[in-house]
Every structure is written in C-alpha cells, then in structure tokens.
Amino acid sequence: MVLEIAVKAAVGAPDILGDCPFSQRALLTLEEKKIPYKSHLINLSDKPQWFLEVNPEGKVPVVKFDDKWVADSDVIVGILEEKYPEPSLATPPEFASVGSKIFPSFVKFLKSKDPNDGSEQALIEELKALDDHLKAHGPFIAGEKISAVDLSLAPKLYHLEVALAHFKNWTIPDKLTHVLNYIKLLFSRESFEKTKAAKEYIIAGWEPKVNA
C-alpha cells in the first residue's frame, strides 16, 4: 500500500520540494523504513481546496492513514513506528530529547540583530552538549543505529548550516568534531539526499523571517 503525504512546496517553485524541516523528517522516516509513498507538494501561500478540506489547519506535513489525514510530524513518526515496526527507528526514552534545544537556539541567533545578546553563545552551548553526547554515545544519538531522534535533528541541522552560512557568515566551530562528523554521516545518507530541499529554497524560506 502506498501512503500519501502532503509536504511543503518550494517558495516560488510549486513543483519542487520545499524547505520544511518537519516535512523532511516525515519523508526521511518513510525512506528509512522503505515505505512506498506518494508526495503532494503544497504551495503554502496558495493552498489547494482539497488540502484545506482534509486538513483545515493547513499545516504540513500530513499523512493519510486509513482514510484519515494526520498532521504533526511527532504524531506521524509515532504512527509509522507502530504500523511499520521494521526496521525499528525507536529512540530509547533517555535519548529522546537530545539536541532538542538546538533548533530554537539557532532561530534566535539567526533573527538576532544584536551581536552581544548571548544568542550565539547559547547556540554554541547547545551544540557543545550534543558534541559531548555523541563523544560518549555516538556515532548516532543512540549509538550505532540511526533512530527517530536523528531523523528529527538532521533537517534542523541542515537549515542551521545553510541559513547561518548565508545570513551570518557563520559555521559550526571546528572543535566540535563529533557534531561535524555526525552531520556528515546524516547528510551522506541516501534518504537525506532524496528528501532535502535545495539550498536556495532554504535561504528563500528564511529570508522574510530574518529581515522581519
């Protein structure tokens, strides 16, 4: 059975996969579990009528399970794990929140207009905590095998890398070797290559938020 998933289309290019990290997380999960799926690309500034009818909140991603469209990447990933237990991507509960503050810290730093507001330092602290964790437990967050927490972090780290390089001329410090190796490991996976948005669409997606 082929699952249907609605994900964000690229800004200004409705036929190309867009820059939503939560959409990519759902797609990565489908790819890693080898579940056949069909994507619907949704232009978020001009949402199709059918999409709003099945999903009045208009958020992406949404996946159709048993004739019902389900939103929220956390919920989607949970259902996929339940319905398609092999290969397992379950994350041990003690590792489930590793790296969870990186994305909000990145967004704060990206939008910051004041170099002395501590937002850069806060992001570095979060990345250092991830580095320490990977040093002790790596190469993935839960050890040798990739799990759901990695698939949640991968798109966010991609956004962080692309957006901060473009808007702030900033890169992850070289001394965080475990994080840098982890990123290489994630980004080189076939599932990631297949589901990532092009860099220009990531930049286009962040542009209005950075200049707000």
N, C-alpha and C. Protein backbone atom coordinates (compact mmCIF):
# COMPACT_ATOMS: atom_id res chain seq x y z
N MET A 1 0.82 -1.21 0.00
CA MET A 1 0.00 0.00 0.00
C MET A 1 0.86 1.26 0.00
N VAL A 2 0.50 2.19 -0.84
CA VAL A 2 1.29 3.42 -0.95
C VAL A 2 0.66 4.48 -0.02
N LEU A 3 1.48 5.05 0.84
CA LEU A 3 0.98 6.10 1.73
C LEU A 3 1.00 7.44 0.99
N GLU A 4 0.03 8.28 1.30
CA GLU A 4 0.04 9.63 0.72
C GLU A 4 0.52 10.62 1.77
N ILE A 5 1.40 11.52 1.36
CA ILE A 5 1.92 12.54 2.28
C ILE A 5 1.87 13.90 1.58
N ALA A 6 1.42 14.91 2.31
CA ALA A 6 1.43 16.28 1.77
C ALA A 6 2.55 17.04 2.48
N VAL A 7 3.43 17.65 1.67
CA VAL A 7 4.59 18.37 2.21
C VAL A 7 4.69 19.74 1.55
N LYS A 8 5.55 20.58 2.09
CA LYS A 8 5.68 21.95 1.58
C LYS A 8 6.39 21.99 0.23
N ALA A 9 5.81 22.75 -0.69
CA ALA A 9 6.49 23.02 -1.96
C ALA A 9 7.45 24.20 -1.77
N ALA A 10 8.42 24.30 -2.65
CA ALA A 10 9.40 25.38 -2.54
C ALA A 10 8.75 26.74 -2.82
N VAL A 11 9.26 27.76 -2.13
CA VAL A 11 8.77 29.13 -2.33
C VAL A 11 9.08 29.54 -3.77
N GLY A 12 8.05 29.90 -4.52
CA GLY A 12 8.26 30.33 -5.91
C GLY A 12 8.47 29.20 -6.90
N ALA A 13 8.43 27.94 -6.42
CA ALA A 13 8.60 26.81 -7.32
C ALA A 13 7.70 25.67 -6.86
N PRO A 14 6.41 25.77 -7.18
CA PRO A 14 5.42 24.84 -6.62
C PRO A 14 5.61 23.37 -7.00
N ASP A 15 6.49 23.09 -8.00
CA ASP A 15 6.70 21.69 -8.41
C ASP A 15 7.94 21.07 -7.77
N ILE A 16 8.57 21.82 -6.86
CA ILE A 16 9.82 21.35 -6.27
C ILE A 16 9.64 21.26 -4.75
N LEU A 17 10.27 20.26 -4.15
CA LEU A 17 10.18 20.06 -2.71
C LEU A 17 10.71 21.28 -1.96
N GLY A 18 9.95 21.71 -0.96
CA GLY A 18 10.30 22.92 -0.22
C GLY A 18 11.13 22.67 1.03
N ASP A 19 11.23 23.74 1.83
CA ASP A 19 12.25 23.79 2.88
C ASP A 19 11.72 23.52 4.29
N CYS A 20 10.67 22.72 4.42
CA CYS A 20 10.10 22.50 5.76
C CYS A 20 10.83 21.35 6.46
N PRO A 21 11.51 21.61 7.59
CA PRO A 21 12.26 20.53 8.25
C PRO A 21 11.35 19.42 8.80
N PHE A 22 10.11 19.78 9.10
CA PHE A 22 9.18 18.78 9.65
C PHE A 22 8.66 17.87 8.53
N SER A 23 8.46 18.46 7.35
CA SER A 23 8.12 17.64 6.17
C SER A 23 9.26 16.69 5.87
N GLN A 24 10.49 17.22 5.89
CA GLN A 24 11.63 16.35 5.57
C GLN A 24 11.77 15.23 6.59
N ARG A 25 11.50 15.53 7.85
CA ARG A 25 11.60 14.49 8.88
C ARG A 25 10.65 13.32 8.57
N ALA A 26 9.41 13.66 8.18
CA ALA A 26 8.44 12.61 7.84
C ALA A 26 8.90 11.83 6.61
N LEU A 27 9.41 12.54 5.61
CA LEU A 27 9.90 11.86 4.39
C LEU A 27 11.10 10.96 4.70
N LEU A 28 12.00 11.45 5.56
CA LEU A 28 13.16 10.64 5.95
C LEU A 28 12.72 9.33 6.61
N THR A 29 11.69 9.44 7.45
CA THR A 29 11.20 8.25 8.15
C THR A 29 10.63 7.24 7.13
N LEU A 30 9.87 7.74 6.18
CA LEU A 30 9.33 6.86 5.12
C LEU A 30 10.46 6.20 4.33
N GLU A 31 11.47 6.99 3.99
CA GLU A 31 12.62 6.47 3.21
C GLU A 31 13.40 5.42 4.01
N GLU A 32 13.69 5.73 5.27
CA GLU A 32 14.49 4.81 6.08
C GLU A 32 13.74 3.50 6.34
N LYS A 33 12.42 3.58 6.41
CA LYS A 33 11.61 2.37 6.63
C LYS A 33 11.22 1.70 5.31
N LYS A 34 11.65 2.30 4.20
CA LYS A 34 11.36 1.75 2.86
C LYS A 34 9.85 1.58 2.63
N ILE A 35 9.09 2.57 3.08
CA ILE A 35 7.63 2.53 2.88
C ILE A 35 7.31 3.26 1.58
N PRO A 36 6.60 2.62 0.65
CA PRO A 36 6.26 3.33 -0.59
C PRO A 36 5.30 4.49 -0.30
N TYR A 37 5.56 5.63 -0.93
CA TYR A 37 4.69 6.79 -0.67
C TYR A 37 4.56 7.64 -1.92
N LYS A 38 3.51 8.46 -1.88
CA LYS A 38 3.28 9.42 -2.97
C LYS A 38 3.21 10.80 -2.32
N SER A 39 4.00 11.75 -2.83
CA SER A 39 4.02 13.10 -2.23
C SER A 39 3.09 14.04 -2.96
N HIS A 40 2.41 14.88 -2.19
CA HIS A 40 1.68 16.02 -2.75
C HIS A 40 2.42 17.27 -2.31
N LEU A 41 2.89 18.05 -3.27
CA LEU A 41 3.59 19.30 -2.91
C LEU A 41 2.57 20.41 -2.74
N ILE A 42 2.59 21.03 -1.57
CA ILE A 42 1.59 22.04 -1.24
C ILE A 42 2.21 23.43 -1.25
N ASN A 43 1.66 24.30 -2.09
CA ASN A 43 2.09 25.70 -2.10
C ASN A 43 1.40 26.38 -0.91
N LEU A 44 2.18 26.68 0.13
CA LEU A 44 1.57 27.16 1.38
C LEU A 44 0.98 28.56 1.25
N SER A 45 1.38 29.30 0.21
CA SER A 45 0.76 30.63 0.06
C SER A 45 -0.48 30.58 -0.84
N ASP A 46 -0.74 29.38 -1.39
CA ASP A 46 -1.96 29.22 -2.21
C ASP A 46 -2.41 27.76 -2.07
N LYS A 47 -2.95 27.45 -0.90
CA LYS A 47 -3.25 26.05 -0.58
C LYS A 47 -4.44 25.54 -1.39
N PRO A 48 -4.31 24.35 -1.96
CA PRO A 48 -5.43 23.81 -2.75
C PRO A 48 -6.63 23.50 -1.87
N GLN A 49 -7.80 23.58 -2.48
CA GLN A 49 -9.05 23.40 -1.74
C GLN A 49 -9.14 22.01 -1.09
N TRP A 50 -8.76 20.97 -1.83
CA TRP A 50 -8.86 19.60 -1.26
C TRP A 50 -8.04 19.47 0.00
N PHE A 51 -6.87 20.15 0.00
CA PHE A 51 -5.96 20.06 1.13
C PHE A 51 -6.59 20.71 2.37
N LEU A 52 -7.21 21.87 2.18
CA LEU A 52 -7.86 22.55 3.31
C LEU A 52 -9.09 21.78 3.80
N GLU A 53 -9.73 21.06 2.89
CA GLU A 53 -10.89 20.26 3.30
C GLU A 53 -10.47 19.10 4.20
N VAL A 54 -9.36 18.45 3.87
CA VAL A 54 -8.93 17.30 4.69
C VAL A 54 -8.11 17.74 5.90
N ASN A 55 -7.64 18.98 5.85
CA ASN A 55 -6.69 19.45 6.86
C ASN A 55 -6.93 20.93 7.10
N PRO A 56 -8.04 21.28 7.79
CA PRO A 56 -8.45 22.69 7.90
C PRO A 56 -7.38 23.63 8.48
N GLU A 57 -6.49 23.09 9.31
CA GLU A 57 -5.43 23.95 9.87
C GLU A 57 -4.41 24.34 8.80
N GLY A 58 -4.36 23.54 7.74
CA GLY A 58 -3.48 23.87 6.62
C GLY A 58 -2.00 23.68 6.87
N LYS A 59 -1.68 22.85 7.86
CA LYS A 59 -0.25 22.65 8.19
C LYS A 59 0.31 21.45 7.43
N VAL A 60 1.63 21.48 7.22
CA VAL A 60 2.33 20.31 6.66
C VAL A 60 3.36 19.86 7.69
N PRO A 61 3.76 18.59 7.66
CA PRO A 61 3.28 17.52 6.80
C PRO A 61 1.98 16.92 7.32
N VAL A 62 1.23 16.31 6.42
CA VAL A 62 0.11 15.45 6.81
C VAL A 62 0.20 14.15 6.01
N VAL A 63 -0.12 13.07 6.69
CA VAL A 63 -0.06 11.75 6.06
C VAL A 63 -1.43 11.09 6.18
N LYS A 64 -1.80 10.38 5.14
CA LYS A 64 -3.11 9.70 5.14
C LYS A 64 -2.95 8.27 5.66
N PHE A 65 -3.54 8.02 6.83
CA PHE A 65 -3.56 6.67 7.40
C PHE A 65 -5.02 6.20 7.42
N ASP A 66 -5.30 5.06 6.78
CA ASP A 66 -6.66 4.51 6.82
C ASP A 66 -7.73 5.57 6.54
N ASP A 67 -7.57 6.29 5.44
CA ASP A 67 -8.56 7.29 5.02
C ASP A 67 -8.64 8.53 5.90
N LYS A 68 -7.72 8.67 6.85
CA LYS A 68 -7.76 9.87 7.70
C LYS A 68 -6.41 10.58 7.59
N TRP A 69 -6.48 11.89 7.35
CA TRP A 69 -5.24 12.66 7.24
C TRP A 69 -4.78 13.07 8.65
N VAL A 70 -3.52 12.80 8.94
CA VAL A 70 -2.97 13.07 10.28
C VAL A 70 -1.85 14.10 10.15
N ALA A 71 -1.93 15.13 11.01
CA ALA A 71 -0.90 16.19 10.99
C ALA A 71 0.08 15.98 12.14
N ASP A 72 1.14 16.81 12.15
CA ASP A 72 2.14 16.86 13.22
C ASP A 72 3.19 15.77 13.05
N SER A 73 4.42 16.19 12.80
CA SER A 73 5.47 15.20 12.49
C SER A 73 5.71 14.24 13.66
N ASP A 74 5.58 14.71 14.91
CA ASP A 74 5.75 13.81 16.06
C ASP A 74 4.74 12.67 16.01
N VAL A 75 3.48 13.04 15.76
CA VAL A 75 2.40 12.04 15.71
C VAL A 75 2.61 11.10 14.53
N ILE A 76 2.95 11.68 13.38
CA ILE A 76 3.16 10.87 12.16
C ILE A 76 4.26 9.84 12.37
N VAL A 77 5.39 10.29 12.93
CA VAL A 77 6.53 9.39 13.14
C VAL A 77 6.15 8.27 14.12
N GLY A 78 5.36 8.63 15.13
CA GLY A 78 4.90 7.63 16.11
C GLY A 78 4.03 6.57 15.46
N ILE A 79 3.11 7.00 14.60
CA ILE A 79 2.21 6.05 13.92
C ILE A 79 3.01 5.16 12.95
N LEU A 80 3.96 5.76 12.24
CA LEU A 80 4.77 4.97 11.30
C LEU A 80 5.56 3.89 12.05
N GLU A 81 6.06 4.23 13.22
CA GLU A 81 6.83 3.27 14.02
C GLU A 81 5.93 2.11 14.46
N GLU A 82 4.70 2.47 14.80
CA GLU A 82 3.74 1.46 15.27
C GLU A 82 3.29 0.53 14.13
N LYS A 83 2.95 1.15 13.00
CA LYS A 83 2.41 0.38 11.87
C LYS A 83 3.50 -0.36 11.09
N TYR A 84 4.69 0.20 11.08
CA TYR A 84 5.79 -0.39 10.30
C TYR A 84 7.00 -0.55 11.23
N PRO A 85 6.93 -1.55 12.14
CA PRO A 85 7.98 -1.62 13.18
C PRO A 85 9.37 -1.97 12.66
N GLU A 86 9.46 -2.52 11.43
CA GLU A 86 10.77 -2.90 10.90
C GLU A 86 11.18 -2.02 9.72
N PRO A 87 12.39 -1.54 9.62
CA PRO A 87 13.38 -1.53 10.70
C PRO A 87 12.98 -0.55 11.79
N SER A 88 13.30 -0.89 13.01
CA SER A 88 12.90 -0.02 14.13
C SER A 88 13.71 1.28 14.12
N LEU A 89 12.99 2.39 14.30
CA LEU A 89 13.67 3.69 14.46
C LEU A 89 13.38 4.25 15.85
N ALA A 90 12.86 3.40 16.73
CA ALA A 90 12.51 3.87 18.07
C ALA A 90 13.76 4.37 18.79
N THR A 91 13.62 5.52 19.43
CA THR A 91 14.73 6.09 20.20
C THR A 91 14.55 5.73 21.67
N PRO A 92 15.62 5.24 22.34
CA PRO A 92 15.49 4.99 23.78
C PRO A 92 15.01 6.27 24.48
N PRO A 93 14.04 6.16 25.41
CA PRO A 93 13.43 7.36 26.01
C PRO A 93 14.46 8.33 26.60
N GLU A 94 15.55 7.79 27.15
CA GLU A 94 16.53 8.69 27.80
C GLU A 94 17.27 9.57 26.80
N PHE A 95 17.20 9.20 25.50
CA PHE A 95 17.90 9.98 24.47
C PHE A 95 16.94 10.82 23.63
N ALA A 96 15.64 10.70 23.90
CA ALA A 96 14.64 11.30 23.01
C ALA A 96 14.75 12.82 22.90
N SER A 97 15.23 13.49 23.95
CA SER A 97 15.27 14.96 23.88
C SER A 97 16.68 15.50 23.62
N VAL A 98 17.63 14.63 23.29
CA VAL A 98 18.99 15.11 22.99
C VAL A 98 18.94 16.04 21.78
N GLY A 99 19.54 17.22 21.93
CA GLY A 99 19.60 18.17 20.81
C GLY A 99 18.32 18.96 20.58
N SER A 100 17.33 18.78 21.46
CA SER A 100 16.01 19.39 21.18
C SER A 100 16.01 20.92 21.28
N LYS A 101 17.03 21.49 21.93
CA LYS A 101 17.05 22.96 22.06
C LYS A 101 17.88 23.62 20.96
N ILE A 102 18.48 22.82 20.10
CA ILE A 102 19.36 23.39 19.07
C ILE A 102 18.56 24.26 18.09
N PHE A 103 17.41 23.75 17.64
CA PHE A 103 16.66 24.49 16.62
C PHE A 103 16.15 25.84 17.14
N PRO A 104 15.49 25.90 18.33
CA PRO A 104 15.08 27.22 18.84
C PRO A 104 16.27 28.16 19.08
N SER A 105 17.40 27.59 19.50
CA SER A 105 18.59 28.45 19.71
C SER A 105 19.11 29.00 18.39
N PHE A 106 19.09 28.16 17.37
CA PHE A 106 19.51 28.59 16.03
C PHE A 106 18.61 29.71 15.51
N VAL A 107 17.28 29.54 15.65
CA VAL A 107 16.33 30.54 15.14
C VAL A 107 16.56 31.88 15.83
N LYS A 108 16.79 31.83 17.14
CA LYS A 108 17.01 33.06 17.92
C LYS A 108 18.27 33.79 17.43
N PHE A 109 19.33 33.02 17.24
CA PHE A 109 20.59 33.60 16.77
C PHE A 109 20.45 34.14 15.34
N LEU A 110 19.76 33.38 14.50
CA LEU A 110 19.58 33.79 13.10
C LEU A 110 18.84 35.13 13.02
N LYS A 111 17.82 35.30 13.86
CA LYS A 111 17.00 36.52 13.81
C LYS A 111 17.62 37.68 14.59
N SER A 112 18.65 37.38 15.38
CA SER A 112 19.21 38.39 16.28
C SER A 112 19.89 39.52 15.52
N LYS A 113 19.63 40.74 15.97
CA LYS A 113 20.28 41.91 15.35
C LYS A 113 21.40 42.45 16.27
N ASP A 114 21.50 41.86 17.46
CA ASP A 114 22.47 42.37 18.45
C ASP A 114 23.52 41.30 18.73
N PRO A 115 24.77 41.55 18.28
CA PRO A 115 25.81 40.54 18.45
C PRO A 115 26.15 40.23 19.91
N ASN A 116 25.72 41.09 20.82
CA ASN A 116 26.05 40.87 22.24
C ASN A 116 24.88 40.35 23.07
N ASP A 117 23.85 39.81 22.40
CA ASP A 117 22.67 39.39 23.18
C ASP A 117 22.79 37.97 23.72
N GLY A 118 23.94 37.32 23.46
CA GLY A 118 24.16 35.97 24.01
C GLY A 118 23.57 34.85 23.18
N SER A 119 22.89 35.19 22.07
CA SER A 119 22.22 34.12 21.31
C SER A 119 23.24 33.20 20.61
N GLU A 120 24.35 33.77 20.15
CA GLU A 120 25.37 32.93 19.51
C GLU A 120 25.96 31.95 20.53
N GLN A 121 26.28 32.49 21.70
CA GLN A 121 26.87 31.66 22.77
C GLN A 121 25.90 30.54 23.18
N ALA A 122 24.62 30.89 23.25
CA ALA A 122 23.61 29.89 23.65
C ALA A 122 23.56 28.74 22.64
N LEU A 123 23.66 29.08 21.35
CA LEU A 123 23.66 28.05 20.32
C LEU A 123 24.91 27.18 20.43
N ILE A 124 26.06 27.81 20.63
CA ILE A 124 27.31 27.05 20.77
C ILE A 124 27.23 26.09 21.96
N GLU A 125 26.63 26.55 23.06
CA GLU A 125 26.47 25.68 24.25
C GLU A 125 25.64 24.44 23.91
N GLU A 126 24.54 24.66 23.16
CA GLU A 126 23.68 23.52 22.79
C GLU A 126 24.43 22.55 21.87
N LEU A 127 25.19 23.10 20.93
CA LEU A 127 25.97 22.24 20.02
C LEU A 127 27.07 21.50 20.77
N LYS A 128 27.64 22.17 21.77
CA LYS A 128 28.68 21.52 22.58
C LYS A 128 28.09 20.36 23.38
N ALA A 129 26.88 20.57 23.90
CA ALA A 129 26.21 19.49 24.65
C ALA A 129 25.97 18.28 23.74
N LEU A 130 25.58 18.56 22.49
CA LEU A 130 25.39 17.47 21.53
C LEU A 130 26.73 16.79 21.24
N ASP A 131 27.77 17.58 21.10
CA ASP A 131 29.11 17.04 20.83
C ASP A 131 29.53 16.09 21.96
N ASP A 132 29.32 16.53 23.21
CA ASP A 132 29.68 15.69 24.37
C ASP A 132 28.88 14.38 24.36
N HIS A 133 27.61 14.50 24.02
CA HIS A 133 26.76 13.32 23.99
C HIS A 133 27.25 12.33 22.92
N LEU A 134 27.55 12.86 21.73
CA LEU A 134 28.00 11.99 20.63
C LEU A 134 29.35 11.36 20.95
N LYS A 135 30.19 12.10 21.64
CA LYS A 135 31.50 11.57 22.02
C LYS A 135 31.31 10.33 22.91
N ALA A 136 30.33 10.41 23.80
CA ALA A 136 30.10 9.32 24.75
C ALA A 136 29.28 8.17 24.14
N HIS A 137 28.35 8.51 23.24
CA HIS A 137 27.36 7.51 22.81
C HIS A 137 27.36 7.24 21.31
N GLY A 138 28.05 8.05 20.50
CA GLY A 138 27.91 8.08 19.05
C GLY A 138 28.18 6.76 18.35
N PRO A 139 28.21 6.74 17.02
CA PRO A 139 28.19 7.91 16.13
C PRO A 139 26.81 8.57 16.00
N PHE A 140 25.72 7.79 16.20
CA PHE A 140 24.39 8.41 16.22
C PHE A 140 24.01 8.69 17.67
N ILE A 141 22.86 9.31 17.87
CA ILE A 141 22.50 9.71 19.23
C ILE A 141 22.29 8.52 20.15
N ALA A 142 21.74 7.43 19.58
CA ALA A 142 21.51 6.25 20.41
C ALA A 142 22.52 5.14 20.10
N GLY A 143 23.70 5.52 19.61
CA GLY A 143 24.74 4.53 19.35
C GLY A 143 24.97 4.24 17.88
N GLU A 144 25.08 2.95 17.56
CA GLU A 144 25.47 2.54 16.21
C GLU A 144 24.36 2.71 15.18
N LYS A 145 23.10 2.67 15.66
CA LYS A 145 21.98 2.67 14.72
C LYS A 145 21.27 4.02 14.67
N ILE A 146 20.87 4.40 13.46
CA ILE A 146 20.10 5.64 13.32
C ILE A 146 18.72 5.42 13.95
N SER A 147 18.17 6.48 14.56
CA SER A 147 16.84 6.37 15.15
C SER A 147 16.06 7.66 14.91
N ALA A 148 14.82 7.67 15.40
CA ALA A 148 13.92 8.80 15.12
C ALA A 148 14.50 10.15 15.52
N VAL A 149 15.24 10.19 16.61
CA VAL A 149 15.79 11.47 17.07
C VAL A 149 16.80 12.03 16.06
N ASP A 150 17.54 11.15 15.39
CA ASP A 150 18.48 11.61 14.36
C ASP A 150 17.75 12.18 13.15
N LEU A 151 16.62 11.53 12.81
CA LEU A 151 15.86 11.98 11.64
C LEU A 151 15.13 13.29 11.92
N SER A 152 14.91 13.58 13.19
CA SER A 152 14.31 14.86 13.56
C SER A 152 15.37 15.97 13.52
N LEU A 153 16.58 15.62 13.97
CA LEU A 153 17.66 16.62 14.03
C LEU A 153 18.28 16.93 12.67
N ALA A 154 18.37 15.92 11.81
CA ALA A 154 19.08 16.10 10.53
C ALA A 154 18.58 17.31 9.73
N PRO A 155 17.25 17.44 9.49
CA PRO A 155 16.79 18.59 8.71
C PRO A 155 17.05 19.92 9.42
N LYS A 156 16.99 19.90 10.75
CA LYS A 156 17.20 21.15 11.51
C LYS A 156 18.67 21.58 11.43
N LEU A 157 19.56 20.60 11.49
CA LEU A 157 20.99 20.92 11.36
C LEU A 157 21.31 21.41 9.94
N TYR A 158 20.59 20.89 8.98
CA TYR A 158 20.76 21.33 7.58
C TYR A 158 20.34 22.80 7.45
N HIS A 159 19.19 23.14 8.01
CA HIS A 159 18.73 24.53 8.00
C HIS A 159 19.74 25.43 8.71
N LEU A 160 20.22 24.97 9.84
CA LEU A 160 21.19 25.74 10.63
C LEU A 160 22.43 26.03 9.78
N GLU A 161 22.96 24.98 9.16
CA GLU A 161 24.19 25.13 8.36
C GLU A 161 24.00 26.10 7.20
N VAL A 162 22.92 25.89 6.45
CA VAL A 162 22.70 26.69 5.24
C VAL A 162 22.36 28.14 5.59
N ALA A 163 21.44 28.33 6.52
CA ALA A 163 20.96 29.69 6.82
C ALA A 163 22.03 30.53 7.53
N LEU A 164 22.74 29.92 8.47
CA LEU A 164 23.74 30.72 9.20
C LEU A 164 24.94 31.05 8.31
N ALA A 165 25.29 30.13 7.41
CA ALA A 165 26.39 30.43 6.48
C ALA A 165 25.99 31.61 5.59
N HIS A 166 24.74 31.61 5.14
CA HIS A 166 24.28 32.64 4.20
C HIS A 166 24.06 33.99 4.87
N PHE A 167 23.32 33.97 5.98
CA PHE A 167 22.90 35.25 6.58
C PHE A 167 23.91 35.81 7.60
N LYS A 168 24.71 34.94 8.19
CA LYS A 168 25.62 35.40 9.26
C LYS A 168 27.08 35.10 8.96
N ASN A 169 27.32 34.42 7.82
CA ASN A 169 28.68 34.00 7.51
C ASN A 169 29.27 33.21 8.68
N TRP A 170 28.45 32.34 9.25
CA TRP A 170 28.80 31.61 10.48
C TRP A 170 28.81 30.11 10.21
N THR A 171 29.80 29.42 10.77
CA THR A 171 29.83 27.96 10.64
C THR A 171 30.04 27.34 12.02
N ILE A 172 29.69 26.09 12.14
CA ILE A 172 29.87 25.37 13.40
C ILE A 172 31.37 25.31 13.71
N PRO A 173 31.77 25.66 14.94
CA PRO A 173 33.20 25.67 15.28
C PRO A 173 33.88 24.32 15.02
N ASP A 174 35.11 24.40 14.47
CA ASP A 174 35.87 23.19 14.11
C ASP A 174 36.10 22.26 15.29
N LYS A 175 36.16 22.83 16.50
CA LYS A 175 36.48 21.98 17.66
C LYS A 175 35.35 21.00 18.00
N LEU A 176 34.17 21.25 17.45
CA LEU A 176 33.04 20.34 17.71
C LEU A 176 33.07 19.18 16.71
N THR A 177 34.15 18.41 16.81
CA THR A 177 34.41 17.40 15.77
C THR A 177 33.33 16.33 15.70
N HIS A 178 32.77 15.96 16.85
CA HIS A 178 31.75 14.89 16.84
C HIS A 178 30.47 15.36 16.14
N VAL A 179 30.12 16.63 16.37
CA VAL A 179 28.94 17.18 15.68
C VAL A 179 29.19 17.23 14.18
N LEU A 180 30.37 17.69 13.79
CA LEU A 180 30.66 17.81 12.36
C LEU A 180 30.68 16.43 11.68
N ASN A 181 31.21 15.43 12.37
CA ASN A 181 31.19 14.07 11.81
C ASN A 181 29.77 13.53 11.72
N TYR A 182 28.99 13.84 12.73
CA TYR A 182 27.58 13.41 12.79
C TYR A 182 26.80 14.00 11.61
N ILE A 183 27.03 15.27 11.35
CA ILE A 183 26.35 15.94 10.23
C ILE A 183 26.74 15.28 8.90
N LYS A 184 28.03 15.01 8.74
CA LYS A 184 28.50 14.34 7.51
C LYS A 184 27.80 12.99 7.35
N LEU A 185 27.73 12.26 8.44
CA LEU A 185 27.11 10.93 8.45
C LEU A 185 25.64 11.02 8.03
N LEU A 186 24.92 11.99 8.59
CA LEU A 186 23.48 12.14 8.29
C LEU A 186 23.27 12.61 6.85
N PHE A 187 24.02 13.64 6.46
CA PHE A 187 23.79 14.26 5.16
C PHE A 187 24.22 13.37 4.00
N SER A 188 25.06 12.36 4.29
CA SER A 188 25.52 11.50 3.20
C SER A 188 24.58 10.32 2.98
N ARG A 189 23.57 10.18 3.82
CA ARG A 189 22.64 9.06 3.67
C ARG A 189 21.77 9.26 2.42
N GLU A 190 21.48 8.17 1.77
CA GLU A 190 20.65 8.23 0.56
C GLU A 190 19.29 8.87 0.86
N SER A 191 18.73 8.52 2.02
CA SER A 191 17.41 9.06 2.40
C SER A 191 17.46 10.59 2.52
N PHE A 192 18.58 11.11 3.01
CA PHE A 192 18.72 12.57 3.17
C PHE A 192 18.86 13.24 1.81
N GLU A 193 19.72 12.67 0.98
CA GLU A 193 19.91 13.22 -0.37
C GLU A 193 18.59 13.33 -1.12
N LYS A 194 17.76 12.29 -0.96
CA LYS A 194 16.48 12.24 -1.69
C LYS A 194 15.45 13.23 -1.18
N THR A 195 15.55 13.63 0.09
CA THR A 195 14.44 14.39 0.70
C THR A 195 14.81 15.82 1.07
N LYS A 196 16.06 16.23 0.80
CA LYS A 196 16.44 17.59 1.22
C LYS A 196 16.01 18.63 0.18
N ALA A 197 15.71 19.81 0.67
CA ALA A 197 15.41 20.93 -0.23
C ALA A 197 16.73 21.52 -0.73
N ALA A 198 16.69 22.11 -1.91
CA ALA A 198 17.89 22.79 -2.42
C ALA A 198 18.21 23.99 -1.53
N LYS A 199 19.49 24.31 -1.42
CA LYS A 199 19.91 25.39 -0.51
C LYS A 199 19.21 26.71 -0.79
N GLU A 200 19.00 27.01 -2.07
CA GLU A 200 18.39 28.31 -2.37
C GLU A 200 16.96 28.42 -1.82
N TYR A 201 16.28 27.26 -1.69
CA TYR A 201 14.92 27.30 -1.15
C TYR A 201 14.92 27.42 0.38
N ILE A 202 15.96 26.87 0.99
CA ILE A 202 16.13 27.05 2.45
C ILE A 202 16.33 28.55 2.72
N ILE A 203 17.20 29.16 1.92
CA ILE A 203 17.50 30.60 2.10
C ILE A 203 16.25 31.43 1.84
N ALA A 204 15.53 31.10 0.76
CA ALA A 204 14.30 31.84 0.44
C ALA A 204 13.26 31.70 1.55
N GLY A 205 13.23 30.53 2.17
CA GLY A 205 12.27 30.30 3.25
C GLY A 205 12.56 31.14 4.48
N TRP A 206 13.84 31.34 4.79
CA TRP A 206 14.22 32.10 5.99
C TRP A 206 14.28 33.62 5.75
N GLU A 207 14.47 34.01 4.51
CA GLU A 207 14.66 35.43 4.17
C GLU A 207 13.65 36.36 4.87
N PRO A 208 12.31 36.12 4.72
CA PRO A 208 11.36 37.06 5.34
C PRO A 208 11.47 37.10 6.86
N LYS A 209 11.85 35.96 7.46
CA LYS A 209 11.92 35.91 8.94
C LYS A 209 13.16 36.66 9.44
N VAL A 210 14.23 36.57 8.66
CA VAL A 210 15.47 37.23 9.06
C VAL A 210 15.33 38.75 8.92
N ASN A 211 14.62 39.16 7.88
CA ASN A 211 14.50 40.60 7.62
C ASN A 211 13.25 41.22 8.25
N ALA A 212 12.58 40.43 9.08
CA ALA A 212 11.33 40.95 9.69
C ALA A 212 11.64 42.09 10.66
